[in-house]
PDB file of N, CA and C in Angstrom:
ATOM      1  N   MET A   1      17.406   3.599   4.983  1.00  0.00           N
ATOM      2  CA  MET A   1      16.673   2.464   4.460  1.00  0.00           C
ATOM      3  C   MET A   1      16.992   2.328   2.969  1.00  0.00           C
ATOM      4  N   SER A   2      17.283   1.141   2.533  1.00  0.00           N
ATOM      5  CA  SER A   2      17.635   0.922   1.130  1.00  0.00           C
ATOM      6  C   SER A   2      16.387   0.789   0.271  1.00  0.00           C
ATOM      7  N   ASN A   3      16.586   0.903  -1.044  1.00  0.00           N
ATOM      8  CA  ASN A   3      15.467   0.721  -1.979  1.00  0.00           C
ATOM      9  C   ASN A   3      14.842  -0.646  -1.817  1.00  0.00           C
ATOM     10  N   LYS A   4      15.661  -1.654  -1.478  1.00  0.00           N
ATOM     11  CA  LYS A   4      15.163  -3.016  -1.304  1.00  0.00           C
ATOM     12  C   LYS A   4      14.089  -3.064  -0.212  1.00  0.00           C
ATOM     13  N   ASP A   5      14.228  -2.228   0.817  1.00  0.00           N
ATOM     14  CA  ASP A   5      13.253  -2.195   1.902  1.00  0.00           C
ATOM     15  C   ASP A   5      11.896  -1.685   1.453  1.00  0.00           C
ATOM     16  N   PHE A   6      11.856  -1.039   0.300  1.00  0.00           N
ATOM     17  CA  PHE A   6      10.612  -0.490  -0.224  1.00  0.00           C
ATOM     18  C   PHE A   6      10.035  -1.331  -1.356  1.00  0.00           C
ATOM     19  N   SER A   7      10.480  -2.556  -1.485  1.00  0.00           N
ATOM     20  CA  SER A   7       9.966  -3.419  -2.547  1.00  0.00           C
ATOM     21  C   SER A   7       8.466  -3.622  -2.380  1.00  0.00           C
ATOM     22  N   PRO A   8       7.734  -3.685  -3.485  1.00  0.00           N
ATOM     23  CA  PRO A   8       6.287  -3.892  -3.394  1.00  0.00           C
ATOM     24  C   PRO A   8       5.972  -5.269  -2.825  1.00  0.00           C
ATOM     25  N   ILE A   9       4.753  -5.399  -2.345  1.00  0.00           N
ATOM     26  CA  ILE A   9       4.295  -6.663  -1.763  1.00  0.00           C
ATOM     27  C   ILE A   9       3.129  -7.181  -2.598  1.00  0.00           C
ATOM     28  N   ASN A  10       3.207  -8.454  -2.964  1.00  0.00           N
ATOM     29  CA  ASN A  10       2.171  -9.106  -3.757  1.00  0.00           C
ATOM     30  C   ASN A  10       0.993  -9.450  -2.840  1.00  0.00           C
ATOM     31  N   VAL A  11      -0.166  -8.908  -3.160  1.00  0.00           N
ATOM     32  CA  VAL A  11      -1.362  -9.103  -2.333  1.00  0.00           C
ATOM     33  C   VAL A  11      -2.472  -9.699  -3.191  1.00  0.00           C
ATOM     34  N   PRO A  12      -3.068 -10.822  -2.757  1.00  0.00           N
ATOM     35  CA  PRO A  12      -4.222 -11.355  -3.493  1.00  0.00           C
ATOM     36  C   PRO A  12      -5.456 -10.497  -3.194  1.00  0.00           C
ATOM     37  N   LEU A  13      -6.052  -9.960  -4.235  1.00  0.00           N
ATOM     38  CA  LEU A  13      -7.246  -9.128  -4.085  1.00  0.00           C
ATOM     39  C   LEU A  13      -8.478  -9.910  -4.525  1.00  0.00           C
ATOM     40  N   GLU A  14      -9.577  -9.704  -3.793  1.00  0.00           N
ATOM     41  CA  GLU A  14     -10.831 -10.388  -4.101  1.00  0.00           C
ATOM     42  C   GLU A  14     -11.839  -9.381  -4.651  1.00  0.00           C
ATOM     43  N   LYS A  15     -12.422  -9.703  -5.790  1.00  0.00           N
ATOM     44  CA  LYS A  15     -13.405  -8.826  -6.440  1.00  0.00           C
ATOM     45  C   LYS A  15     -14.476  -8.401  -5.440  1.00  0.00           C
ATOM     46  N   GLY A  16     -14.736  -7.088  -5.399  1.00  0.00           N
ATOM     47  CA  GLY A  16     -15.779  -6.553  -4.534  1.00  0.00           C
ATOM     48  C   GLY A  16     -15.348  -6.299  -3.103  1.00  0.00           C
ATOM     49  N   LYS A  17     -14.190  -6.777  -2.702  1.00  0.00           N
ATOM     50  CA  LYS A  17     -13.716  -6.573  -1.334  1.00  0.00           C
ATOM     51  C   LYS A  17     -13.046  -5.204  -1.238  1.00  0.00           C
ATOM     52  N   ARG A  18     -13.285  -4.522  -0.105  1.00  0.00           N
ATOM     53  CA  ARG A  18     -12.685  -3.208   0.128  1.00  0.00           C
ATOM     54  C   ARG A  18     -11.376  -3.371   0.909  1.00  0.00           C
ATOM     55  N   TYR A  19     -10.386  -2.547   0.539  1.00  0.00           N
ATOM     56  CA  TYR A  19      -9.067  -2.580   1.161  1.00  0.00           C
ATOM     57  C   TYR A  19      -8.680  -1.168   1.590  1.00  0.00           C
ATOM     58  N   ALA A  20      -7.786  -1.080   2.557  1.00  0.00           N
ATOM     59  CA  ALA A  20      -7.265   0.204   3.017  1.00  0.00           C
ATOM     60  C   ALA A  20      -5.744   0.154   2.886  1.00  0.00           C
ATOM     61  N   TRP A  21      -5.216   0.850   1.877  1.00  0.00           N
ATOM     62  CA  TRP A  21      -3.782   0.872   1.606  1.00  0.00           C
ATOM     63  C   TRP A  21      -3.138   1.958   2.461  1.00  0.00           C
ATOM     64  N   CYS A  22      -2.072   1.611   3.144  1.00  0.00           N
ATOM     65  CA  CYS A  22      -1.351   2.545   4.009  1.00  0.00           C
ATOM     66  C   CYS A  22      -0.681   3.629   3.167  1.00  0.00           C
ATOM     67  N   THR A  23      -0.945   4.895   3.501  1.00  0.00           N
ATOM     68  CA  THR A  23      -0.328   6.012   2.789  1.00  0.00           C
ATOM     69  C   THR A  23       0.804   6.658   3.581  1.00  0.00           C
ATOM     70  N   CYS A  24       0.916   6.325   4.868  1.00  0.00           N
ATOM     71  CA  CYS A  24       1.864   7.034   5.732  1.00  0.00           C
ATOM     72  C   CYS A  24       3.161   6.265   6.011  1.00  0.00           C
ATOM     73  N   GLY A  25       3.122   4.945   5.904  1.00  0.00           N
ATOM     74  CA  GLY A  25       4.309   4.140   6.177  1.00  0.00           C
ATOM     75  C   GLY A  25       4.421   3.651   7.611  1.00  0.00           C
ATOM     76  N   TYR A  26       3.503   4.030   8.496  1.00  0.00           N
ATOM     77  CA  TYR A  26       3.584   3.628   9.904  1.00  0.00           C
ATOM     78  C   TYR A  26       2.939   2.272  10.193  1.00  0.00           C
ATOM     79  N   SER A  27       2.191   1.729   9.277  1.00  0.00           N
ATOM     80  CA  SER A  27       1.513   0.452   9.501  1.00  0.00           C
ATOM     81  C   SER A  27       2.528  -0.677   9.666  1.00  0.00           C
ATOM     82  N   GLU A  28       2.272  -1.540  10.634  1.00  0.00           N
ATOM     83  CA  GLU A  28       3.080  -2.748  10.819  1.00  0.00           C
ATOM     84  C   GLU A  28       2.600  -3.853   9.883  1.00  0.00           C
ATOM     85  N   ASN A  29       1.497  -3.609   9.180  1.00  0.00           N
ATOM     86  CA  ASN A  29       0.873  -4.589   8.301  1.00  0.00           C
ATOM     87  C   ASN A  29       1.002  -4.149   6.837  1.00  0.00           C
ATOM     88  N   GLN A  30       2.170  -3.621   6.455  1.00  0.00           N
ATOM     89  CA  GLN A  30       2.392  -3.117   5.093  1.00  0.00           C
ATOM     90  C   GLN A  30       2.055  -4.178   4.062  1.00  0.00           C
ATOM     91  N   PRO A  31       1.438  -3.793   2.991  1.00  0.00           N
ATOM     92  CA  PRO A  31       1.138  -2.448   2.527  1.00  0.00           C
ATOM     93  C   PRO A  31      -0.236  -1.947   2.964  1.00  0.00           C
ATOM     94  N   LEU A  32      -0.919  -2.709   3.818  1.00  0.00           N
ATOM     95  CA  LEU A  32      -2.272  -2.333   4.229  1.00  0.00           C
ATOM     96  C   LEU A  32      -2.249  -1.589   5.559  1.00  0.00           C
ATOM     97  N   CYS A  33      -3.256  -0.782   5.788  1.00  0.00           N
ATOM     98  CA  CYS A  33      -3.355   0.056   6.978  1.00  0.00           C
ATOM     99  C   CYS A  33      -3.755  -0.769   8.201  1.00  0.00           C
ATOM    100  N   ASP A  34      -3.108  -0.491   9.330  1.00  0.00           N
ATOM    101  CA  ASP A  34      -3.495  -1.097  10.604  1.00  0.00           C
ATOM    102  C   ASP A  34      -3.883  -0.034  11.635  1.00  0.00           C
ATOM    103  N   GLY A  35      -4.030   1.214  11.173  1.00  0.00           N
ATOM    104  CA  GLY A  35      -4.404   2.309  12.067  1.00  0.00           C
ATOM    105  C   GLY A  35      -3.216   3.014  12.708  1.00  0.00           C
ATOM    106  N   GLY A  36      -1.987   2.635  12.355  1.00  0.00           N
ATOM    107  CA  GLY A  36      -0.791   3.235  12.935  1.00  0.00           C
ATOM    108  C   GLY A  36      -0.682   4.734  12.712  1.00  0.00           C
ATOM    109  N   HIS A  37      -1.361   5.242  11.697  1.00  0.00           N
ATOM    110  CA  HIS A  37      -1.316   6.677  11.405  1.00  0.00           C
ATOM    111  C   HIS A  37      -1.941   7.508  12.521  1.00  0.00           C
ATOM    112  N   ARG A  38      -2.880   6.921  13.260  1.00  0.00           N
ATOM    113  CA  ARG A  38      -3.585   7.667  14.310  1.00  0.00           C
ATOM    114  C   ARG A  38      -2.639   8.142  15.404  1.00  0.00           C
ATOM    115  N   ALA A  39      -1.751   7.268  15.854  1.00  0.00           N
ATOM    116  CA  ALA A  39      -0.817   7.616  16.929  1.00  0.00           C
ATOM    117  C   ALA A  39       0.210   8.638  16.479  1.00  0.00           C
ATOM    118  N   LYS A  40       0.469   8.706  15.192  1.00  0.00           N
ATOM    119  CA  LYS A  40       1.482   9.615  14.649  1.00  0.00           C
ATOM    120  C   LYS A  40       0.873  10.868  14.032  1.00  0.00           C
ATOM    121  N   ASP A  41      -0.461  11.001  14.074  1.00  0.00           N
ATOM    122  CA  ASP A  41      -1.166  12.119  13.451  1.00  0.00           C
ATOM    123  C   ASP A  41      -0.770  12.254  11.981  1.00  0.00           C
ATOM    124  N   ALA A  42      -0.722  11.118  11.305  1.00  0.00           N
ATOM    125  CA  ALA A  42      -0.318  11.058   9.894  1.00  0.00           C
ATOM    126  C   ALA A  42      -1.547  10.881   9.003  1.00  0.00           C
ATOM    127  N   THR A  43      -1.311  10.854   7.696  1.00  0.00           N
ATOM    128  CA  THR A  43      -2.399  10.700   6.739  1.00  0.00           C
ATOM    129  C   THR A  43      -3.071   9.339   6.879  1.00  0.00           C
ATOM    130  N   GLY A  44      -4.356   9.319   6.647  1.00  0.00           N
ATOM    131  CA  GLY A  44      -5.126   8.082   6.707  1.00  0.00           C
ATOM    132  C   GLY A  44      -4.949   7.258   5.442  1.00  0.00           C
ATOM    133  N   PRO A  45      -5.567   6.085   5.403  1.00  0.00           N
ATOM    134  CA  PRO A  45      -5.395   5.168   4.281  1.00  0.00           C
ATOM    135  C   PRO A  45      -6.137   5.608   3.022  1.00  0.00           C
ATOM    136  N   LEU A  46      -5.726   5.032   1.922  1.00  0.00           N
ATOM    137  CA  LEU A  46      -6.454   5.144   0.657  1.00  0.00           C
ATOM    138  C   LEU A  46      -7.338   3.907   0.579  1.00  0.00           C
ATOM    139  N   ARG A  47      -8.622   4.106   0.556  1.00  0.00           N
ATOM    140  CA  ARG A  47      -9.550   2.976   0.492  1.00  0.00           C
ATOM    141  C   ARG A  47      -9.892   2.695  -0.968  1.00  0.00           C
ATOM    142  N   PHE A  48      -9.915   1.411  -1.306  1.00  0.00           N
ATOM    143  CA  PHE A  48     -10.258   1.027  -2.670  1.00  0.00           C
ATOM    144  C   PHE A  48     -10.957  -0.324  -2.665  1.00  0.00           C
ATOM    145  N   GLU A  49     -11.687  -0.576  -3.737  1.00  0.00           N
ATOM    146  CA  GLU A  49     -12.396  -1.837  -3.905  1.00  0.00           C
ATOM    147  C   GLU A  49     -11.800  -2.566  -5.103  1.00  0.00           C
ATOM    148  N   ALA A  50     -11.500  -3.846  -4.921  1.00  0.00           N
ATOM    149  CA  ALA A  50     -10.927  -4.644  -6.013  1.00  0.00           C
ATOM    150  C   ALA A  50     -11.975  -4.841  -7.097  1.00  0.00           C
ATOM    151  N   GLU A  51     -11.576  -4.576  -8.337  1.00  0.00           N
ATOM    152  CA  GLU A  51     -12.490  -4.708  -9.465  1.00  0.00           C
ATOM    153  C   GLU A  51     -12.554  -6.128 -10.009  1.00  0.00           C
ATOM    154  N   GLU A  52     -11.561  -6.943  -9.627  1.00  0.00           N
ATOM    155  CA  GLU A  52     -11.524  -8.337 -10.070  1.00  0.00           C
ATOM    156  C   GLU A  52     -10.645  -9.134  -9.118  1.00  0.00           C
ATOM    157  N   ASP A  53     -10.796 -10.461  -9.149  1.00  0.00           N
ATOM    158  CA  ASP A  53      -9.890 -11.330  -8.403  1.00  0.00           C
ATOM    159  C   ASP A  53      -8.553 -11.300  -9.115  1.00  0.00           C
ATOM    160  N   LYS A  54      -7.501 -10.929  -8.401  1.00  0.00           N
ATOM    161  CA  LYS A  54      -6.171 -10.921  -9.003  1.00  0.00           C
ATOM    162  C   LYS A  54      -5.118 -10.731  -7.918  1.00  0.00           C
ATOM    163  N   GLU A  55      -3.890 -11.000  -8.280  1.00  0.00           N
ATOM    164  CA  GLU A  55      -2.773 -10.672  -7.407  1.00  0.00           C
ATOM    165  C   GLU A  55      -2.216  -9.341  -7.885  1.00  0.00           C
ATOM    166  N   ALA A  56      -1.949  -8.436  -6.957  1.00  0.00           N
ATOM    167  CA  ALA A  56      -1.454  -7.110  -7.315  1.00  0.00           C
ATOM    168  C   ALA A  56      -0.239  -6.765  -6.459  1.00  0.00           C
ATOM    169  N   TRP A  57       0.720  -6.099  -7.066  1.00  0.00           N
ATOM    170  CA  TRP A  57       1.901  -5.618  -6.356  1.00  0.00           C
ATOM    171  C   TRP A  57       1.577  -4.235  -5.804  1.00  0.00           C
ATOM    172  N   LEU A  58       1.419  -4.160  -4.475  1.00  0.00           N
ATOM    173  CA  LEU A  58       1.076  -2.899  -3.836  1.00  0.00           C
ATOM    174  C   LEU A  58       2.337  -2.193  -3.344  1.00  0.00           C
ATOM    175  N   CYS A  59       2.351  -0.895  -3.515  1.00  0.00           N
ATOM    176  CA  CYS A  59       3.492  -0.041  -3.197  1.00  0.00           C
ATOM    177  C   CYS A  59       3.744   0.021  -1.691  1.00  0.00           C
ATOM    178  N   THR A  60       5.018   0.023  -1.304  1.00  0.00           N
ATOM    179  CA  THR A  60       5.392   0.254   0.094  1.00  0.00           C
ATOM    180  C   THR A  60       6.255   1.502   0.254  1.00  0.00           C
ATOM    181  N   CYS A  61       6.774   2.051  -0.845  1.00  0.00           N
ATOM    182  CA  CYS A  61       7.625   3.254  -0.732  1.00  0.00           C
ATOM    183  C   CYS A  61       6.787   4.519  -0.640  1.00  0.00           C
ATOM    184  N   LYS A  62       5.518   4.434  -1.014  1.00  0.00           N
ATOM    185  CA  LYS A  62       4.545   5.537  -0.956  1.00  0.00           C
ATOM    186  C   LYS A  62       4.825   6.637  -1.969  1.00  0.00           C
ATOM    187  N   ARG A  63       5.674   6.379  -2.965  1.00  0.00           N
ATOM    188  CA  ARG A  63       5.983   7.381  -3.991  1.00  0.00           C
ATOM    189  C   ARG A  63       5.320   7.073  -5.328  1.00  0.00           C
ATOM    190  N   THR A  64       4.560   6.001  -5.405  1.00  0.00           N
ATOM    191  CA  THR A  64       3.914   5.617  -6.653  1.00  0.00           C
ATOM    192  C   THR A  64       3.012   6.722  -7.188  1.00  0.00           C
ATOM    193  N   LYS A  65       2.939   6.834  -8.477  1.00  0.00           N
ATOM    194  CA  LYS A  65       2.031   7.782  -9.130  1.00  0.00           C
ATOM    195  C   LYS A  65       0.695   7.096  -9.449  1.00  0.00           C
ATOM    196  N   ASN A  66       0.592   5.798  -9.093  1.00  0.00           N
ATOM    197  CA  ASN A  66      -0.602   5.010  -9.374  1.00  0.00           C
ATOM    198  C   ASN A  66      -1.042   4.253  -8.110  1.00  0.00           C
ATOM    199  N   PRO A  67      -1.289   4.985  -7.009  1.00  0.00           N
ATOM    200  CA  PRO A  67      -1.615   4.303  -5.759  1.00  0.00           C
ATOM    201  C   PRO A  67      -2.901   3.503  -5.868  1.00  0.00           C
ATOM    202  N   PRO A  68      -2.952   2.339  -5.265  1.00  0.00           N
ATOM    203  CA  PRO A  68      -1.987   1.742  -4.346  1.00  0.00           C
ATOM    204  C   PRO A  68      -0.959   0.845  -5.040  1.00  0.00           C
ATOM    205  N   PHE A  69      -0.982   0.837  -6.363  1.00  0.00           N
ATOM    206  CA  PHE A  69      -0.171  -0.112  -7.115  1.00  0.00           C
ATOM    207  C   PHE A  69       1.252   0.406  -7.342  1.00  0.00           C
ATOM    208  N   CYS A  70       2.199  -0.495  -7.296  1.00  0.00           N
ATOM    209  CA  CYS A  70       3.596  -0.142  -7.520  1.00  0.00           C
ATOM    210  C   CYS A  70       3.810   0.280  -8.966  1.00  0.00           C
ATOM    211  N   ASP A  71       4.572   1.361  -9.159  1.00  0.00           N
ATOM    212  CA  ASP A  71       4.935   1.794 -10.508  1.00  0.00           C
ATOM    213  C   ASP A  71       6.455   1.827 -10.697  1.00  0.00           C
ATOM    214  N   GLY A  72       7.188   1.238  -9.757  1.00  0.00           N
ATOM    215  CA  GLY A  72       8.639   1.176  -9.851  1.00  0.00           C
ATOM    216  C   GLY A  72       9.352   2.375  -9.248  1.00  0.00           C
ATOM    217  N   SER A  73       8.643   3.286  -8.620  1.00  0.00           N
ATOM    218  CA  SER A  73       9.254   4.487  -8.029  1.00  0.00           C
ATOM    219  C   SER A  73      10.317   4.161  -6.989  1.00  0.00           C
ATOM    220  N   HIS A  74      10.211   3.002  -6.337  1.00  0.00           N
ATOM    221  CA  HIS A  74      11.193   2.638  -5.305  1.00  0.00           C
ATOM    222  C   HIS A  74      12.579   2.404  -5.915  1.00  0.00           C
ATOM    223  N   ASN A  75      12.646   2.247  -7.213  1.00  0.00           N
ATOM    224  CA  ASN A  75      13.936   2.029  -7.902  1.00  0.00           C
ATOM    225  C   ASN A  75      14.612   3.337  -8.288  1.00  0.00           C
ATOM    226  N   ALA A  76      13.919   4.442  -8.149  1.00  0.00           N
ATOM    227  CA  ALA A  76      14.472   5.748  -8.585  1.00  0.00           C
ATOM    228  C   ALA A  76      15.514   6.276  -7.617  1.00  0.00           C
TER     229      ALA A  76
END
């Protein structure tokens, strides 16, 4: 898989809404969790609440040091 396949995805976040960011890579609904980790006995999602209405680039390579947000690790 190329680095391009791990490009972050821009997600509109709503203040106060809770999200589940996929930590395992098995979700078909990247970058958010769809429960795919259960069938693979993989790590569960990182749950977070949006602090403000904004668009955010969420990581898909799972190597970010600032989960769930992209920090450019997919370019390394």
